Amino acid sequence: METPLNIVTFYNAIANNGKMMKPYLIESHEKNGRTVKKFGPEILNGSVFSKATADSLTKALTMVTLEGTGATKLKNAKCTVAGKTGTSETTETDTKGRYIVSFAGIAPADNPEIVVLVVLDHPTVGNASGGVQAAPVAGT
């Protein structure tokens, strides 16, 4: 089972031409108005796949958002997004029909600056679908 951090790390590798990047959440740690430590991009373990593979994945993920399951809900995004929707029924509950929907993406697709992951556990409004429910959140 993949964790949200695993998914974001994989999409970061796509965005960085196959290089596995160390995830970080903050840019710096400050104390008493002084920067104690700065954080920034750091390559881990070199490349996990080639630039050609990263380019192919970006192209395929862009097609998802232009013509596939994420297309209609990402139409208001301010740039082209490369991403994938997800919908799964969970067996971790006694309730039948409990879904987890998601969207993971890279933006802008042609010059990545951000990776986004939206996961909704048991959405109760509308159809349980990553394209219908999670993609619009990512597009805003």
Protein backbone atom coordinates (compact mmCIF):
# COMPACT_ATOMS: atom_id res chain seq x y z
CA MET A 1 0.00 0.00 0.00
CA GLU A 2 1.38 3.38 -1.01
CA THR A 3 1.39 6.25 1.42
CA PRO A 4 0.62 9.83 0.38
CA LEU A 5 4.32 10.66 0.84
CA ASN A 6 5.28 7.77 -1.50
CA ILE A 7 2.91 9.09 -4.16
CA VAL A 8 4.17 12.67 -3.89
CA THR A 9 7.80 11.46 -3.97
CA PHE A 10 7.11 9.49 -7.17
CA TYR A 11 5.45 12.49 -8.85
CA ASN A 12 8.41 14.63 -7.74
CA ALA A 13 10.70 12.20 -9.56
CA ILE A 14 8.62 12.62 -12.73
CA ALA A 15 8.75 16.42 -12.35
CA ASN A 16 12.53 16.29 -11.86
CA ASN A 17 13.35 14.23 -14.97
CA GLY A 18 13.63 10.92 -13.11
CA LYS A 19 15.68 12.17 -10.15
CA MET A 20 14.45 11.05 -6.73
CA MET A 21 14.21 14.13 -4.52
CA LYS A 22 14.22 14.26 -0.72
CA PRO A 23 10.83 15.56 0.40
CA TYR A 24 10.69 18.60 2.65
CA LEU A 25 7.78 20.57 4.08
CA ILE A 26 9.35 23.84 5.11
CA GLU A 27 11.87 26.17 3.51
CA SER A 28 13.62 27.17 6.72
CA HIS A 29 13.60 26.86 10.50
CA GLU A 30 13.87 30.16 12.32
CA LYS A 31 14.41 30.98 15.96
CA ASN A 32 14.30 34.48 17.43
CA GLY A 33 14.10 35.96 13.93
CA ARG A 34 17.25 34.17 12.74
CA THR A 35 17.43 31.31 10.27
CA VAL A 36 18.71 28.22 12.06
CA LYS A 37 18.49 25.82 9.13
CA LYS A 38 17.48 26.07 5.47
CA PHE A 39 15.93 23.27 3.49
CA GLY A 40 15.83 22.87 -0.26
CA PRO A 41 16.03 20.46 -3.16
CA GLU A 42 18.25 17.46 -2.50
CA ILE A 43 18.68 14.49 -4.83
CA LEU A 44 18.40 11.05 -3.19
CA ASN A 45 19.79 7.90 -4.78
CA GLY A 46 20.36 9.58 -8.15
CA SER A 47 17.95 8.86 -10.98
CA VAL A 48 15.26 6.23 -10.56
CA PHE A 49 14.33 6.37 -14.24
CA SER A 50 15.51 8.18 -17.35
CA LYS A 51 14.52 11.64 -18.55
CA ALA A 52 12.89 9.94 -21.56
CA THR A 53 10.72 7.88 -19.20
CA ALA A 54 9.85 11.01 -17.18
CA ASP A 55 8.89 12.79 -20.43
CA SER A 56 6.70 9.84 -21.50
CA LEU A 57 4.98 9.74 -18.12
CA THR A 58 4.39 13.50 -18.19
CA LYS A 59 2.88 13.25 -21.67
CA ALA A 60 0.57 10.39 -20.61
CA LEU A 61 -0.47 12.17 -17.40
CA THR A 62 -1.15 15.36 -19.36
CA MET A 63 -3.50 13.42 -21.65
CA VAL A 64 -5.47 12.32 -18.56
CA THR A 65 -6.10 15.96 -17.67
CA LEU A 66 -6.77 17.12 -21.24
CA GLU A 67 -8.90 14.24 -22.53
CA GLY A 68 -9.38 11.68 -19.76
CA THR A 69 -10.97 11.41 -16.34
CA GLY A 70 -9.53 14.68 -15.06
CA ALA A 71 -10.32 16.76 -18.14
CA THR A 72 -13.69 18.35 -17.41
CA LYS A 73 -12.91 19.16 -13.81
CA LEU A 74 -9.52 20.73 -14.51
CA LYS A 75 -10.73 23.01 -17.30
CA ASN A 76 -10.48 26.07 -15.03
CA ALA A 77 -6.89 25.37 -13.97
CA LYS A 78 -4.57 28.29 -14.70
CA CYS A 79 -2.00 26.04 -16.44
CA THR A 80 -1.70 22.60 -18.02
CA VAL A 81 -1.60 19.91 -15.34
CA ALA A 82 -0.16 16.39 -15.70
CA GLY A 83 -1.98 14.06 -13.32
CA LYS A 84 -4.00 10.98 -12.56
CA THR A 85 -7.30 10.42 -10.80
CA GLY A 86 -8.02 7.49 -8.54
CA THR A 87 -11.12 5.83 -7.12
CA SER A 88 -11.09 2.80 -4.84
CA GLU A 89 -13.54 1.06 -2.56
CA THR A 90 -12.06 0.44 0.86
CA THR A 91 -12.45 -2.81 2.76
CA GLU A 92 -11.27 -1.22 6.00
CA THR A 93 -14.81 -0.61 7.18
CA ASP A 94 -18.05 -2.51 7.59
CA THR A 95 -19.84 0.10 5.49
CA LYS A 96 -20.37 -1.03 1.88
CA GLY A 97 -19.73 1.55 -0.79
CA ARG A 98 -17.11 3.51 1.16
CA TYR A 99 -14.71 5.02 -1.34
CA ILE A 100 -11.42 6.88 -1.31
CA VAL A 101 -10.97 9.23 -4.27
CA SER A 102 -7.81 11.03 -5.26
CA PHE A 103 -5.94 13.17 -7.73
CA ALA A 104 -2.16 13.51 -7.97
CA GLY A 105 -0.62 15.98 -10.36
CA ILE A 106 2.26 18.15 -11.50
CA ALA A 107 1.87 21.76 -12.58
CA PRO A 108 2.68 23.33 -14.92
CA ALA A 109 3.17 20.16 -16.91
CA ASP A 110 5.80 21.67 -19.22
CA ASN A 111 7.86 23.31 -16.44
CA PRO A 112 6.93 21.75 -13.06
CA GLU A 113 6.87 23.96 -9.98
CA ILE A 114 4.47 22.05 -7.72
CA VAL A 115 3.22 18.55 -7.02
CA VAL A 116 -0.26 18.24 -5.56
CA LEU A 117 -2.08 15.29 -4.00
CA VAL A 118 -5.74 15.46 -2.99
CA VAL A 119 -7.22 12.46 -1.15
CA LEU A 120 -10.85 12.39 0.00
CA ASP A 121 -11.90 9.57 2.32
CA HIS A 122 -15.56 8.62 1.98
CA PRO A 123 -16.87 11.65 0.08
CA THR A 124 -20.62 11.87 0.53
CA VAL A 125 -21.59 14.43 -2.11
CA GLY A 126 -22.07 13.30 -5.71
CA ASN A 127 -20.52 10.30 -7.43
CA ALA A 128 -17.49 8.77 -5.72
CA SER A 129 -14.88 9.56 -8.36
CA GLY A 130 -11.41 11.07 -8.32
CA GLY A 131 -12.18 12.90 -11.55
CA VAL A 132 -15.44 14.37 -10.25
CA GLN A 133 -14.44 15.15 -6.65
CA ALA A 134 -10.65 15.31 -6.14
CA ALA A 135 -9.52 16.83 -9.46
CA PRO A 136 -11.53 20.06 -9.02
CA VAL A 137 -9.84 20.64 -5.65
CA ALA A 138 -6.42 20.23 -7.26
CA GLY A 139 -7.33 22.61 -10.07
CA THR A 140 -8.10 25.55 -7.82
